[in-house]
PDB file of N, CA and C in Angstrom:
ATOM      1  N   MET A   1    -115.883 -65.481 -33.392  1.00  0.00           N
ATOM      2  CA  MET A   1    -114.453 -65.327 -33.553  1.00  0.00           C
ATOM      3  C   MET A   1    -114.145 -65.166 -35.023  1.00  0.00           C
ATOM      4  N   PRO A   2    -113.255 -64.237 -35.391  1.00  0.00           N
ATOM      5  CA  PRO A   2    -112.941 -64.033 -36.795  1.00  0.00           C
ATOM      6  C   PRO A   2    -112.262 -65.256 -37.382  1.00  0.00           C
ATOM      7  N   THR A   3    -112.481 -65.481 -38.658  1.00  0.00           N
ATOM      8  CA  THR A   3    -111.840 -66.606 -39.328  1.00  0.00           C
ATOM      9  C   THR A   3    -110.672 -66.099 -40.144  1.00  0.00           C
ATOM     10  N   ILE A   4    -109.695 -66.982 -40.375  1.00  0.00           N
ATOM     11  CA  ILE A   4    -108.554 -66.637 -41.212  1.00  0.00           C
ATOM     12  C   ILE A   4    -108.927 -66.986 -42.642  1.00  0.00           C
ATOM     13  N   THR A   5    -108.812 -66.023 -43.508  1.00  0.00           N
ATOM     14  CA  THR A   5    -109.182 -66.213 -44.900  1.00  0.00           C
ATOM     15  C   THR A   5    -107.936 -66.537 -45.713  1.00  0.00           C
ATOM     16  N   PRO A   6    -107.889 -67.683 -46.374  1.00  0.00           N
ATOM     17  CA  PRO A   6    -106.732 -67.997 -47.209  1.00  0.00           C
ATOM     18  C   PRO A   6    -106.600 -66.971 -48.331  1.00  0.00           C
ATOM     19  N   LEU A   7    -105.367 -66.515 -48.532  1.00  0.00           N
ATOM     20  CA  LEU A   7    -105.146 -65.523 -49.585  1.00  0.00           C
ATOM     21  C   LEU A   7    -105.257 -66.126 -50.973  1.00  0.00           C
ATOM     22  N   HIS A   8    -105.174 -67.466 -51.077  1.00  0.00           N
ATOM     23  CA  HIS A   8    -105.318 -68.042 -52.412  1.00  0.00           C
ATOM     24  C   HIS A   8    -106.702 -67.743 -52.978  1.00  0.00           C
ATOM     25  N   GLN A   9    -107.637 -67.424 -52.106  1.00  0.00           N
ATOM     26  CA  GLN A   9    -108.957 -67.025 -52.585  1.00  0.00           C
ATOM     27  C   GLN A   9    -108.900 -65.633 -53.201  1.00  0.00           C
ATOM     28  N   THR A  10    -107.852 -64.874 -52.857  1.00  0.00           N
ATOM     29  CA  THR A  10    -107.703 -63.537 -53.425  1.00  0.00           C
ATOM     30  C   THR A  10    -106.556 -63.487 -54.420  1.00  0.00           C
ATOM     31  N   GLY A  11    -105.942 -64.647 -54.742  1.00  0.00           N
ATOM     32  CA  GLY A  11    -104.913 -64.669 -55.772  1.00  0.00           C
ATOM     33  C   GLY A  11    -103.536 -65.100 -55.306  1.00  0.00           C
ATOM     34  N   ALA A  12    -103.164 -64.983 -54.043  1.00  0.00           N
ATOM     35  CA  ALA A  12    -101.838 -65.388 -53.580  1.00  0.00           C
ATOM     36  C   ALA A  12    -101.915 -66.829 -53.108  1.00  0.00           C
ATOM     37  N   ALA A  13    -101.111 -67.689 -53.690  1.00  0.00           N
ATOM     38  CA  ALA A  13    -101.180 -69.123 -53.397  1.00  0.00           C
ATOM     39  C   ALA A  13    -100.517 -69.455 -52.064  1.00  0.00           C
ATOM     40  N   ASN A  14    -101.144 -70.390 -51.323  1.00  0.00           N
ATOM     41  CA  ASN A  14    -100.611 -70.941 -50.078  1.00  0.00           C
ATOM     42  C   ASN A  14    -100.297 -69.889 -49.014  1.00  0.00           C
ATOM     43  N   MET A  15    -100.968 -68.795 -49.005  1.00  0.00           N
ATOM     44  CA  MET A  15    -100.742 -67.755 -48.007  1.00  0.00           C
ATOM     45  C   MET A  15    -102.042 -67.538 -47.234  1.00  0.00           C
ATOM     46  N   HIS A  16    -101.898 -67.139 -45.989  1.00  0.00           N
ATOM     47  CA  HIS A  16    -103.065 -66.815 -45.175  1.00  0.00           C
ATOM     48  C   HIS A  16    -102.876 -65.417 -44.626  1.00  0.00           C
ATOM     49  N   ARG A  17    -103.948 -64.709 -44.469  1.00  0.00           N
ATOM     50  CA  ARG A  17    -103.856 -63.383 -43.862  1.00  0.00           C
ATOM     51  C   ARG A  17    -104.480 -63.438 -42.482  1.00  0.00           C
ATOM     52  N   LEU A  18    -103.920 -62.653 -41.575  1.00  0.00           N
ATOM     53  CA  LEU A  18    -104.502 -62.529 -40.244  1.00  0.00           C
ATOM     54  C   LEU A  18    -105.736 -61.658 -40.331  1.00  0.00           C
ATOM     55  N   PRO A  19    -106.668 -61.829 -39.430  1.00  0.00           N
ATOM     56  CA  PRO A  19    -107.839 -60.955 -39.444  1.00  0.00           C
ATOM     57  C   PRO A  19    -107.409 -59.504 -39.263  1.00  0.00           C
ATOM     58  N   SER A  20    -108.078 -58.612 -39.942  1.00  0.00           N
ATOM     59  CA  SER A  20    -107.757 -57.195 -39.807  1.00  0.00           C
ATOM     60  C   SER A  20    -108.250 -56.691 -38.461  1.00  0.00           C
ATOM     61  N   ILE A  21    -107.809 -55.489 -38.110  1.00  0.00           N
ATOM     62  CA  ILE A  21    -108.284 -54.872 -36.862  1.00  0.00           C
ATOM     63  C   ILE A  21    -109.802 -54.794 -36.892  1.00  0.00           C
ATOM     64  N   ARG A  22    -110.372 -54.444 -38.022  1.00  0.00           N
ATOM     65  CA  ARG A  22    -111.826 -54.355 -38.145  1.00  0.00           C
ATOM     66  C   ARG A  22    -112.474 -55.706 -37.855  1.00  0.00           C
ATOM     67  N   ASP A  23    -111.870 -56.800 -38.346  1.00  0.00           N
ATOM     68  CA  ASP A  23    -112.410 -58.134 -38.109  1.00  0.00           C
ATOM     69  C   ASP A  23    -112.317 -58.526 -36.641  1.00  0.00           C
ATOM     70  N   ARG A  24    -111.292 -58.002 -35.943  1.00  0.00           N
ATOM     71  CA  ARG A  24    -111.065 -58.397 -34.557  1.00  0.00           C
ATOM     72  C   ARG A  24    -111.881 -57.590 -33.567  1.00  0.00           C
ATOM     73  N   ARG A  25    -112.594 -56.568 -34.025  1.00  0.00           N
ATOM     74  CA  ARG A  25    -113.445 -55.820 -33.099  1.00  0.00           C
ATOM     75  C   ARG A  25    -114.592 -56.711 -32.684  1.00  0.00           C
ATOM     76  N   ILE A  26    -114.507 -57.189 -31.478  1.00  0.00           N
ATOM     77  CA  ILE A  26    -115.510 -58.116 -30.961  1.00  0.00           C
ATOM     78  C   ILE A  26    -116.213 -57.444 -29.794  1.00  0.00           C
ATOM     79  N   ASP A  27    -117.496 -57.599 -29.731  1.00  0.00           N
ATOM     80  CA  ASP A  27    -118.236 -57.082 -28.579  1.00  0.00           C
ATOM     81  C   ASP A  27    -117.948 -58.006 -27.411  1.00  0.00           C
ATOM     82  N   ASN A  28    -117.171 -57.517 -26.448  1.00  0.00           N
ATOM     83  CA  ASN A  28    -116.796 -58.330 -25.303  1.00  0.00           C
ATOM     84  C   ASN A  28    -117.829 -58.240 -24.187  1.00  0.00           C
ATOM     85  N   ASN A  29    -119.019 -57.854 -24.504  1.00  0.00           N
ATOM     86  CA  ASN A  29    -120.075 -57.748 -23.513  1.00  0.00           C
ATOM     87  C   ASN A  29    -121.106 -58.841 -23.758  1.00  0.00           C
ATOM     88  N   ALA A  30    -121.686 -59.327 -22.687  1.00  0.00           N
ATOM     89  CA  ALA A  30    -122.734 -60.318 -22.787  1.00  0.00           C
ATOM     90  C   ALA A  30    -123.936 -59.814 -22.010  1.00  0.00           C
ATOM     91  N   ILE A  31    -125.114 -60.062 -22.524  1.00  0.00           N
ATOM     92  CA  ILE A  31    -126.328 -59.700 -21.802  1.00  0.00           C
ATOM     93  C   ILE A  31    -126.865 -60.982 -21.189  1.00  0.00           C
ATOM     94  N   ILE A  32    -126.918 -60.998 -19.865  1.00  0.00           N
ATOM     95  CA  ILE A  32    -127.282 -62.201 -19.129  1.00  0.00           C
ATOM     96  C   ILE A  32    -128.545 -61.927 -18.320  1.00  0.00           C
ATOM     97  N   PRO A  33    -129.574 -62.767 -18.471  1.00  0.00           N
ATOM     98  CA  PRO A  33    -130.777 -62.546 -17.662  1.00  0.00           C
ATOM     99  C   PRO A  33    -130.522 -62.925 -16.210  1.00  0.00           C
ATOM    100  N   SER A  34    -130.949 -62.067 -15.282  1.00  0.00           N
ATOM    101  CA  SER A  34    -130.788 -62.360 -13.865  1.00  0.00           C
ATOM    102  C   SER A  34    -131.976 -63.179 -13.385  1.00  0.00           C
ATOM    103  N   SER A  35    -131.935 -63.594 -12.128  1.00  0.00           N
ATOM    104  CA  SER A  35    -132.992 -64.448 -11.592  1.00  0.00           C
ATOM    105  C   SER A  35    -134.346 -63.745 -11.548  1.00  0.00           C
ATOM    106  N   ASP A  36    -134.341 -62.391 -11.475  1.00  0.00           N
ATOM    107  CA  ASP A  36    -135.616 -61.678 -11.430  1.00  0.00           C
ATOM    108  C   ASP A  36    -136.100 -61.286 -12.824  1.00  0.00           C
ATOM    109  N   GLY A  37    -135.433 -61.783 -13.868  1.00  0.00           N
ATOM    110  CA  GLY A  37    -135.865 -61.518 -15.227  1.00  0.00           C
ATOM    111  C   GLY A  37    -135.256 -60.279 -15.851  1.00  0.00           C
ATOM    112  N   GLU A  38    -134.604 -59.427 -15.055  1.00  0.00           N
ATOM    113  CA  GLU A  38    -133.980 -58.216 -15.582  1.00  0.00           C
ATOM    114  C   GLU A  38    -132.679 -58.596 -16.261  1.00  0.00           C
ATOM    115  N   GLU A  39    -132.419 -58.009 -17.444  1.00  0.00           N
ATOM    116  CA  GLU A  39    -131.186 -58.311 -18.149  1.00  0.00           C
ATOM    117  C   GLU A  39    -130.045 -57.491 -17.576  1.00  0.00           C
ATOM    118  N   VAL A  40    -128.910 -58.131 -17.389  1.00  0.00           N
ATOM    119  CA  VAL A  40    -127.729 -57.491 -16.842  1.00  0.00           C
ATOM    120  C   VAL A  40    -126.627 -57.604 -17.881  1.00  0.00           C
ATOM    121  N   LYS A  41    -126.008 -56.480 -18.228  1.00  0.00           N
ATOM    122  CA  LYS A  41    -124.938 -56.504 -19.207  1.00  0.00           C
ATOM    123  C   LYS A  41    -123.627 -56.794 -18.485  1.00  0.00           C
ATOM    124  N   MET A  42    -122.924 -57.804 -18.936  1.00  0.00           N
ATOM    125  CA  MET A  42    -121.664 -58.219 -18.329  1.00  0.00           C
ATOM    126  C   MET A  42    -120.548 -57.982 -19.345  1.00  0.00           C
ATOM    127  N   ALA A  43    -119.431 -57.431 -18.891  1.00  0.00           N
ATOM    128  CA  ALA A  43    -118.302 -57.152 -19.762  1.00  0.00           C
ATOM    129  C   ALA A  43    -117.169 -58.122 -19.484  1.00  0.00           C
ATOM    130  N   THR A  44    -116.291 -58.267 -20.458  1.00  0.00           N
ATOM    131  CA  THR A  44    -115.086 -59.061 -20.302  1.00  0.00           C
ATOM    132  C   THR A  44    -113.929 -58.110 -20.113  1.00  0.00           C
ATOM    133  N   LEU A  45    -113.087 -58.406 -19.139  1.00  0.00           N
ATOM    134  CA  LEU A  45    -111.945 -57.551 -18.833  1.00  0.00           C
ATOM    135  C   LEU A  45    -110.670 -58.361 -19.006  1.00  0.00           C
ATOM    136  N   LEU A  46    -109.768 -57.869 -19.834  1.00  0.00           N
ATOM    137  CA  LEU A  46    -108.487 -58.520 -20.059  1.00  0.00           C
ATOM    138  C   LEU A  46    -107.403 -57.622 -19.486  1.00  0.00           C
ATOM    139  N   VAL A  47    -106.620 -58.151 -18.555  1.00  0.00           N
ATOM    140  CA  VAL A  47    -105.570 -57.373 -17.915  1.00  0.00           C
ATOM    141  C   VAL A  47    -104.233 -57.980 -18.326  1.00  0.00           C
ATOM    142  N   ARG A  48    -103.382 -57.178 -18.940  1.00  0.00           N
ATOM    143  CA  ARG A  48    -102.070 -57.658 -19.393  1.00  0.00           C
ATOM    144  C   ARG A  48    -100.976 -57.083 -18.516  1.00  0.00           C
ATOM    145  N   GLY A  49     -99.812 -57.716 -18.571  1.00  0.00           N
ATOM    146  CA  GLY A  49     -98.644 -57.184 -17.900  1.00  0.00           C
ATOM    147  C   GLY A  49     -98.672 -57.321 -16.390  1.00  0.00           C
ATOM    148  N   ILE A  50     -99.331 -58.351 -15.880  1.00  0.00           N
ATOM    149  CA  ILE A  50     -99.416 -58.564 -14.443  1.00  0.00           C
ATOM    150  C   ILE A  50     -98.207 -59.389 -13.996  1.00  0.00           C
ATOM    151  N   ASP A  51     -97.564 -58.963 -12.930  1.00  0.00           N
ATOM    152  CA  ASP A  51     -96.425 -59.680 -12.386  1.00  0.00           C
ATOM    153  C   ASP A  51     -96.851 -61.084 -11.986  1.00  0.00           C
ATOM    154  N   GLU A  52     -96.041 -62.080 -12.314  1.00  0.00           N
ATOM    155  CA  GLU A  52     -96.389 -63.477 -12.046  1.00  0.00           C
ATOM    156  C   GLU A  52     -96.606 -63.748 -10.561  1.00  0.00           C
ATOM    157  N   SER A  53     -95.861 -63.051  -9.693  1.00  0.00           N
ATOM    158  CA  SER A  53     -96.048 -63.274  -8.253  1.00  0.00           C
ATOM    159  C   SER A  53     -97.429 -62.784  -7.805  1.00  0.00           C
ATOM    160  N   LEU A  54     -97.921 -61.715  -8.436  1.00  0.00           N
ATOM    161  CA  LEU A  54     -99.265 -61.218  -8.116  1.00  0.00           C
ATOM    162  C   LEU A  54    -100.324 -62.210  -8.577  1.00  0.00           C
ATOM    163  N   VAL A  55    -100.115 -62.798  -9.752  1.00  0.00           N
ATOM    164  CA  VAL A  55    -101.047 -63.812 -10.258  1.00  0.00           C
ATOM    165  C   VAL A  55    -101.055 -65.021  -9.321  1.00  0.00           C
ATOM    166  N   GLN A  56     -99.877 -65.406  -8.845  1.00  0.00           N
ATOM    167  CA  GLN A  56     -99.794 -66.543  -7.918  1.00  0.00           C
ATOM    168  C   GLN A  56    -100.533 -66.240  -6.619  1.00  0.00           C
ATOM    169  N   ARG A  57    -100.394 -65.013  -6.119  1.00  0.00           N
ATOM    170  CA  ARG A  57    -101.114 -64.632  -4.897  1.00  0.00           C
ATOM    171  C   ARG A  57    -102.624 -64.652  -5.131  1.00  0.00           C
ATOM    172  N   LEU A  58    -103.042 -64.239  -6.322  1.00  0.00           N
ATOM    173  CA  LEU A  58    -104.466 -64.291  -6.663  1.00  0.00           C
ATOM    174  C   LEU A  58    -104.951 -65.734  -6.643  1.00  0.00           C
ATOM    175  N   ARG A  59    -104.180 -66.635  -7.237  1.00  0.00           N
ATOM    176  CA  ARG A  59    -104.560 -68.057  -7.254  1.00  0.00           C
ATOM    177  C   ARG A  59    -104.641 -68.620  -5.831  1.00  0.00           C
ATOM    178  N   GLU A  60    -103.659 -68.275  -5.006  1.00  0.00           N
ATOM    179  CA  GLU A  60    -103.655 -68.764  -3.626  1.00  0.00           C
ATOM    180  C   GLU A  60    -104.851 -68.233  -2.843  1.00  0.00           C
ATOM    181  N   ARG A  61    -105.164 -66.969  -3.054  1.00  0.00           N
ATOM    182  CA  ARG A  61    -106.322 -66.372  -2.375  1.00  0.00           C
ATOM    183  C   ARG A  61    -107.612 -67.032  -2.852  1.00  0.00           C
ATOM    184  N   ALA A  62    -107.687 -67.339  -4.157  1.00  0.00           N
ATOM    185  CA  ALA A  62    -108.870 -68.000  -4.708  1.00  0.00           C
ATOM    186  C   ALA A  62    -109.060 -69.375  -4.077  1.00  0.00           C
ATOM    187  N   VAL A  63    -107.975 -70.136  -3.958  1.00  0.00           N
ATOM    188  CA  VAL A  63    -108.057 -71.465  -3.341  1.00  0.00           C
ATOM    189  C   VAL A  63    -108.510 -71.344  -1.886  1.00  0.00           C
ATOM    190  N   ALA A  64    -107.941 -70.375  -1.178  1.00  0.00           N
ATOM    191  CA  ALA A  64    -108.306 -70.175   0.229  1.00  0.00           C
ATOM    192  C   ALA A  64    -109.784 -69.831   0.393  1.00  0.00           C
ATOM    193  N   ASN A  65    -110.351 -69.149  -0.599  1.00  0.00           N
ATOM    194  CA  ASN A  65    -111.765 -68.757  -0.540  1.00  0.00           C
ATOM    195  C   ASN A  65    -112.680 -69.727  -1.282  1.00  0.00           C
ATOM    196  N   GLY A  66    -112.104 -70.823  -1.818  1.00  0.00           N
ATOM    197  CA  GLY A  66    -112.916 -71.831  -2.503  1.00  0.00           C
ATOM    198  C   GLY A  66    -113.505 -71.359  -3.811  1.00  0.00           C
ATOM    199  N   ARG A  67    -112.781 -70.503  -4.529  1.00  0.00           N
ATOM    200  CA  ARG A  67    -113.281 -69.975  -5.811  1.00  0.00           C
ATOM    201  C   ARG A  67    -112.233 -70.178  -6.895  1.00  0.00           C
ATOM    202  N   SER A  68    -112.666 -69.959  -8.120  1.00  0.00           N
ATOM    203  CA  SER A  68    -111.716 -69.938  -9.228  1.00  0.00           C
ATOM    204  C   SER A  68    -110.963 -68.605  -9.182  1.00  0.00           C
ATOM    205  N   ALA A  69    -109.827 -68.539  -9.878  1.00  0.00           N
ATOM    206  CA  ALA A  69    -109.069 -67.285  -9.921  1.00  0.00           C
ATOM    207  C   ALA A  69    -109.916 -66.191 -10.556  1.00  0.00           C
ATOM    208  N   GLU A  70    -110.718 -66.545 -11.547  1.00  0.00           N
ATOM    209  CA  GLU A  70    -111.579 -65.556 -12.204  1.00  0.00           C
ATOM    210  C   GLU A  70    -112.644 -65.028 -11.237  1.00  0.00           C
ATOM    211  N   ALA A  71    -113.260 -65.926 -10.476  1.00  0.00           N
ATOM    212  CA  ALA A  71    -114.272 -65.505  -9.499  1.00  0.00           C
ATOM    213  C   ALA A  71    -113.637 -64.654  -8.405  1.00  0.00           C
ATOM    214  N   GLU A  72    -112.415 -65.005  -8.010  1.00  0.00           N
ATOM    215  CA  GLU A  72    -111.712 -64.215  -6.994  1.00  0.00           C
ATOM    216  C   GLU A  72    -111.408 -62.820  -7.518  1.00  0.00           C
ATOM    217  N   HIS A  73    -111.000 -62.745  -8.775  1.00  0.00           N
ATOM    218  CA  HIS A  73    -110.720 -61.455  -9.412  1.00  0.00           C
ATOM    219  C   HIS A  73    -111.982 -60.589  -9.425  1.00  0.00           C
ATOM    220  N   ARG A  74    -113.124 -61.186  -9.777  1.00  0.00           N
ATOM    221  CA  ARG A  74    -114.394 -60.442  -9.770  1.00  0.00           C
ATOM    222  C   ARG A  74    -114.726 -59.947  -8.370  1.00  0.00           C
ATOM    223  N   ALA A  75    -114.515 -60.808  -7.355  1.00  0.00           N
ATOM    224  CA  ALA A  75    -114.826 -60.426  -5.970  1.00  0.00           C
ATOM    225  C   ALA A  75    -113.939 -59.272  -5.519  1.00  0.00           C
ATOM    226  N   ILE A  76    -112.660 -59.311  -5.875  1.00  0.00           N
ATOM    227  CA  ILE A  76    -111.739 -58.238  -5.499  1.00  0.00           C
ATOM    228  C   ILE A  76    -112.154 -56.929  -6.159  1.00  0.00           C
ATOM    229  N   LEU A  77    -112.488 -56.977  -7.443  1.00  0.00           N
ATOM    230  CA  LEU A  77    -112.928 -55.760  -8.140  1.00  0.00           C
ATOM    231  C   LEU A  77    -114.215 -55.213  -7.540  1.00  0.00           C
ATOM    232  N   ALA A  78    -115.165 -56.092  -7.254  1.00  0.00           N
ATOM    233  CA  ALA A  78    -116.437 -55.644  -6.678  1.00  0.00           C
ATOM    234  C   ALA A  78    -116.217 -54.999  -5.318  1.00  0.00           C
ATOM    235  N   GLN A  79    -115.338 -55.596  -4.513  1.00  0.00           N
ATOM    236  CA  GLN A  79    -115.063 -55.037  -3.188  1.00  0.00           C
ATOM    237  C   GLN A  79    -114.342 -53.697  -3.310  1.00  0.00           C
ATOM    238  N   ALA A  80    -113.368 -53.613  -4.198  1.00  0.00           N
ATOM    239  CA  ALA A  80    -112.578 -52.387  -4.344  1.00  0.00           C
ATOM    240  C   ALA A  80    -113.394 -51.237  -4.928  1.00  0.00           C
ATOM    241  N   LEU A  81    -114.327 -51.560  -5.807  1.00  0.00           N
ATOM    242  CA  LEU A  81    -115.076 -50.513  -6.505  1.00  0.00           C
ATOM    243  C   LEU A  81    -116.498 -50.354  -5.994  1.00  0.00           C
ATOM    244  N   GLY A  82    -116.820 -50.991  -4.920  1.00  0.00           N
ATOM    245  CA  GLY A  82    -118.136 -50.795  -4.322  1.00  0.00           C
ATOM    246  C   GLY A  82    -119.154 -51.840  -4.715  1.00  0.00           C
ATOM    247  N   GLY A  83    -118.990 -52.459  -5.845  1.00  0.00           N
ATOM    248  CA  GLY A  83    -119.880 -53.525  -6.257  1.00  0.00           C
ATOM    249  C   GLY A  83    -121.282 -53.106  -6.635  1.00  0.00           C
ATOM    250  N   THR A  84    -121.616 -51.844  -6.501  1.00  0.00           N
ATOM    251  CA  THR A  84    -122.949 -51.402  -6.876  1.00  0.00           C
ATOM    252  C   THR A  84    -122.845 -50.270  -7.886  1.00  0.00           C
ATOM    253  N   ARG A  85    -123.870 -50.148  -8.676  1.00  0.00           N
ATOM    254  CA  ARG A  85    -123.867 -49.080  -9.673  1.00  0.00           C
ATOM    255  C   ARG A  85    -124.308 -47.771  -9.030  1.00  0.00           C
ATOM    256  N   ARG A  86    -123.954 -46.671  -9.655  1.00  0.00           N
ATOM    257  CA  ARG A  86    -124.396 -45.366  -9.157  1.00  0.00           C
ATOM    258  C   ARG A  86    -125.878 -45.212  -9.408  1.00  0.00           C
ATOM    259  N   ARG A  87    -126.570 -44.655  -8.432  1.00  0.00           N
ATOM    260  CA  ARG A  87    -128.002 -44.422  -8.597  1.00  0.00           C
ATOM    261  C   ARG A  87    -128.215 -43.146  -9.395  1.00  0.00           C
ATOM    262  N   SER A  88    -129.288 -43.116 -10.149  1.00  0.00           N
ATOM    263  CA  SER A  88    -129.634 -41.917 -10.909  1.00  0.00           C
ATOM    264  C   SER A  88    -130.170 -40.855  -9.945  1.00  0.00           C
ATOM    265  N   PHE A  89    -130.197 -39.624 -10.410  1.00  0.00           N
ATOM    266  CA  PHE A  89    -130.728 -38.525  -9.598  1.00  0.00           C
ATOM    267  C   PHE A  89    -132.177 -38.805  -9.212  1.00  0.00           C
ATOM    268  N   ALA A  90    -132.949 -39.336 -10.152  1.00  0.00           N
ATOM    269  CA  ALA A  90    -134.358 -39.647  -9.877  1.00  0.00           C
ATOM    270  C   ALA A  90    -134.475 -40.698  -8.764  1.00  0.00           C
ATOM    271  N   GLU A  91    -133.579 -41.695  -8.780  1.00  0.00           N
ATOM    272  CA  GLU A  91    -133.613 -42.725  -7.741  1.00  0.00           C
ATOM    273  C   GLU A  91    -133.242 -42.143  -6.376  1.00  0.00           C
ATOM    274  N   VAL A  92    -132.284 -41.234  -6.355  1.00  0.00           N
ATOM    275  CA  VAL A  92    -131.903 -40.590  -5.094  1.00  0.00           C
ATOM    276  C   VAL A  92    -133.070 -39.775  -4.555  1.00  0.00           C
ATOM    277  N   LEU A  93    -133.704 -38.992  -5.425  1.00  0.00           N
ATOM    278  CA  LEU A  93    -134.859 -38.193  -4.990  1.00  0.00           C
ATOM    279  C   LEU A  93    -135.986 -39.083  -4.472  1.00  0.00           C
ATOM    280  N   ALA A  94    -136.230 -40.184  -5.173  1.00  0.00           N
ATOM    281  CA  ALA A  94    -137.311 -41.078  -4.760  1.00  0.00           C
ATOM    282  C   ALA A  94    -137.011 -41.736  -3.416  1.00  0.00           C
ATOM    283  N   SER A  95    -135.737 -41.843  -3.047  1.00  0.00           N
ATOM    284  CA  SER A  95    -135.380 -42.502  -1.788  1.00  0.00           C
ATOM    285  C   SER A  95    -135.429 -41.563  -0.585  1.00  0.00           C
ATOM    286  N   ILE A  96    -135.638 -40.270  -0.813  1.00  0.00           N
ATOM    287  CA  ILE A  96    -135.719 -39.319   0.298  1.00  0.00           C
ATOM    288  C   ILE A  96    -137.008 -39.603   1.069  1.00  0.00           C
ATOM    289  N   PRO A  97    -136.925 -39.754   2.385  1.00  0.00           N
ATOM    290  CA  PRO A  97    -138.126 -40.093   3.155  1.00  0.00           C
ATOM    291  C   PRO A  97    -139.144 -38.959   3.141  1.00  0.00           C
ATOM    292  N   ASP A  98    -140.397 -39.342   3.232  1.00  0.00           N
ATOM    293  CA  ASP A  98    -141.499 -38.384   3.261  1.00  0.00           C
ATOM    294  C   ASP A  98    -141.669 -37.931   4.711  1.00  0.00           C
ATOM    295  N   VAL A  99    -141.119 -36.767   5.042  1.00  0.00           N
ATOM    296  CA  VAL A  99    -141.195 -36.258   6.411  1.00  0.00           C
ATOM    297  C   VAL A  99    -141.838 -34.879   6.414  1.00  0.00           C
ATOM    298  N   GLY A 100    -142.617 -34.606   7.424  1.00  0.00           N
ATOM    299  CA  GLY A 100    -143.208 -33.280   7.586  1.00  0.00           C
ATOM    300  C   GLY A 100    -144.296 -32.991   6.577  1.00  0.00           C
ATOM    301  N   GLN A 101    -144.852 -31.821   6.733  1.00  0.00           N
ATOM    302  CA  GLN A 101    -145.892 -31.329   5.844  1.00  0.00           C
ATOM    303  C   GLN A 101    -145.277 -30.288   4.921  1.00  0.00           C
ATOM    304  N   ASP A 102    -145.903 -30.039   3.791  1.00  0.00           N
ATOM    305  CA  ASP A 102    -145.384 -29.034   2.862  1.00  0.00           C
ATOM    306  C   ASP A 102    -145.240 -27.680   3.547  1.00  0.00           C
ATOM    307  N   ALA A 103    -146.155 -27.360   4.451  1.00  0.00           N
ATOM    308  CA  ALA A 103    -146.111 -26.069   5.142  1.00  0.00           C
ATOM    309  C   ALA A 103    -144.857 -25.926   5.995  1.00  0.00           C
ATOM    310  N   ASP A 104    -144.292 -27.047   6.439  1.00  0.00           N
ATOM    311  CA  ASP A 104    -143.070 -27.000   7.237  1.00  0.00           C
ATOM    312  C   ASP A 104    -141.886 -26.477   6.432  1.00  0.00           C
ATOM    313  N   PHE A 105    -141.983 -26.574   5.123  1.00  0.00           N
ATOM    314  CA  PHE A 105    -140.864 -26.203   4.270  1.00  0.00           C
ATOM    315  C   PHE A 105    -141.130 -24.947   3.439  1.00  0.00           C
ATOM    316  N   GLU A 106    -142.214 -24.248   3.721  1.00  0.00           N
ATOM    317  CA  GLU A 106    -142.545 -23.041   2.961  1.00  0.00           C
ATOM    318  C   GLU A 106    -141.567 -21.925   3.280  1.00  0.00           C
ATOM    319  N   ARG A 107    -141.279 -21.122   2.283  1.00  0.00           N
ATOM    320  CA  ARG A 107    -140.439 -19.943   2.500  1.00  0.00           C
ATOM    321  C   ARG A 107    -141.316 -18.826   3.042  1.00  0.00           C
ATOM    322  N   THR A 108    -140.764 -18.113   3.953  1.00  0.00           N
ATOM    323  CA  THR A 108    -141.508 -16.974   4.490  1.00  0.00           C
ATOM    324  C   THR A 108    -140.892 -15.700   3.950  1.00  0.00           C
ATOM    325  N   GLN A 109    -141.723 -14.748   3.658  1.00  0.00           N
ATOM    326  CA  GLN A 109    -141.247 -13.459   3.168  1.00  0.00           C
ATOM    327  C   GLN A 109    -140.873 -12.594   4.357  1.00  0.00           C
ATOM    328  N   ASP A 110    -139.691 -12.031   4.346  1.00  0.00           N
ATOM    329  CA  ASP A 110    -139.254 -11.146   5.416  1.00  0.00           C
ATOM    330  C   ASP A 110    -139.840  -9.762   5.134  1.00  0.00           C
ATOM    331  N   PRO A 111    -140.684  -9.256   6.023  1.00  0.00           N
ATOM    332  CA  PRO A 111    -141.349  -7.976   5.755  1.00  0.00           C
ATOM    333  C   PRO A 111    -140.388  -6.784   5.792  1.00  0.00           C
ATOM    334  N   GLY A 112    -139.264  -6.945   6.380  1.00  0.00           N
ATOM    335  CA  GLY A 112    -138.363  -5.802   6.496  1.00  0.00           C
ATOM    336  C   GLY A 112    -136.934  -6.184   6.199  1.00  0.00           C
ATOM    337  N   GLU A 113    -136.068  -5.285   6.556  1.00  0.00           N
ATOM    338  CA  GLU A 113    -134.648  -5.506   6.340  1.00  0.00           C
ATOM    339  C   GLU A 113    -134.118  -6.493   7.373  1.00  0.00           C
ATOM    340  N   ALA A 114    -133.130  -7.263   6.982  1.00  0.00           N
ATOM    341  CA  ALA A 114    -132.526  -8.210   7.910  1.00  0.00           C
ATOM    342  C   ALA A 114    -131.833  -7.449   9.022  1.00  0.00           C
ATOM    343  N   PRO A 115    -131.828  -8.008  10.221  1.00  0.00           N
ATOM    344  CA  PRO A 115    -131.158  -7.316  11.332  1.00  0.00           C
ATOM    345  C   PRO A 115    -129.675  -7.163  11.057  1.00  0.00           C
ATOM    346  N   ARG A 116    -129.139  -6.061  11.453  1.00  0.00           N
ATOM    347  CA  ARG A 116    -127.708  -5.756  11.256  1.00  0.00           C
ATOM    348  C   ARG A 116    -126.960  -6.276  12.481  1.00  0.00           C
ATOM    349  N   VAL A 117    -126.402  -7.446  12.379  1.00  0.00           N
ATOM    350  CA  VAL A 117    -125.762  -8.071  13.532  1.00  0.00           C
ATOM    351  C   VAL A 117    -124.260  -7.785  13.629  1.00  0.00           C
ATOM    352  N   PHE A 118    -123.642  -7.240  12.585  1.00  0.00           N
ATOM    353  CA  PHE A 118    -122.210  -7.019  12.601  1.00  0.00           C
ATOM    354  C   PHE A 118    -121.834  -5.546  12.690  1.00  0.00           C
ATOM    355  N   ASP A 119    -122.758  -4.672  13.047  1.00  0.00           N
ATOM    356  CA  ASP A 119    -122.448  -3.239  13.152  1.00  0.00           C
ATOM    357  C   ASP A 119    -122.075  -2.863  14.557  1.00  0.00           C
TER     358      ASP A 119
END
């Protein structure tokens, strides 16, 4: 967290300056090791301007589900957004089942002209 630097250190007596925008740039992400040893990057999300009645409904829903409001918020976001990351193209290709033989998928050369079916 940024510290407030007294301005008397810079010449102005009994004054304090707020941290600059540059000082307040904080990495709101945390890298947390999961149970299988893989590191998972976790972000902090701050939502402003939420109607108080919506916050109250969130709290009530959290109590009903036996969670904190923060845990309930995470569960709602995970449910709404799928909760899983997008797979890479390589992962999708690797998940395609191994079916048939290569010969089943070979292209054949057409020795002649295609049949004229619309004449």
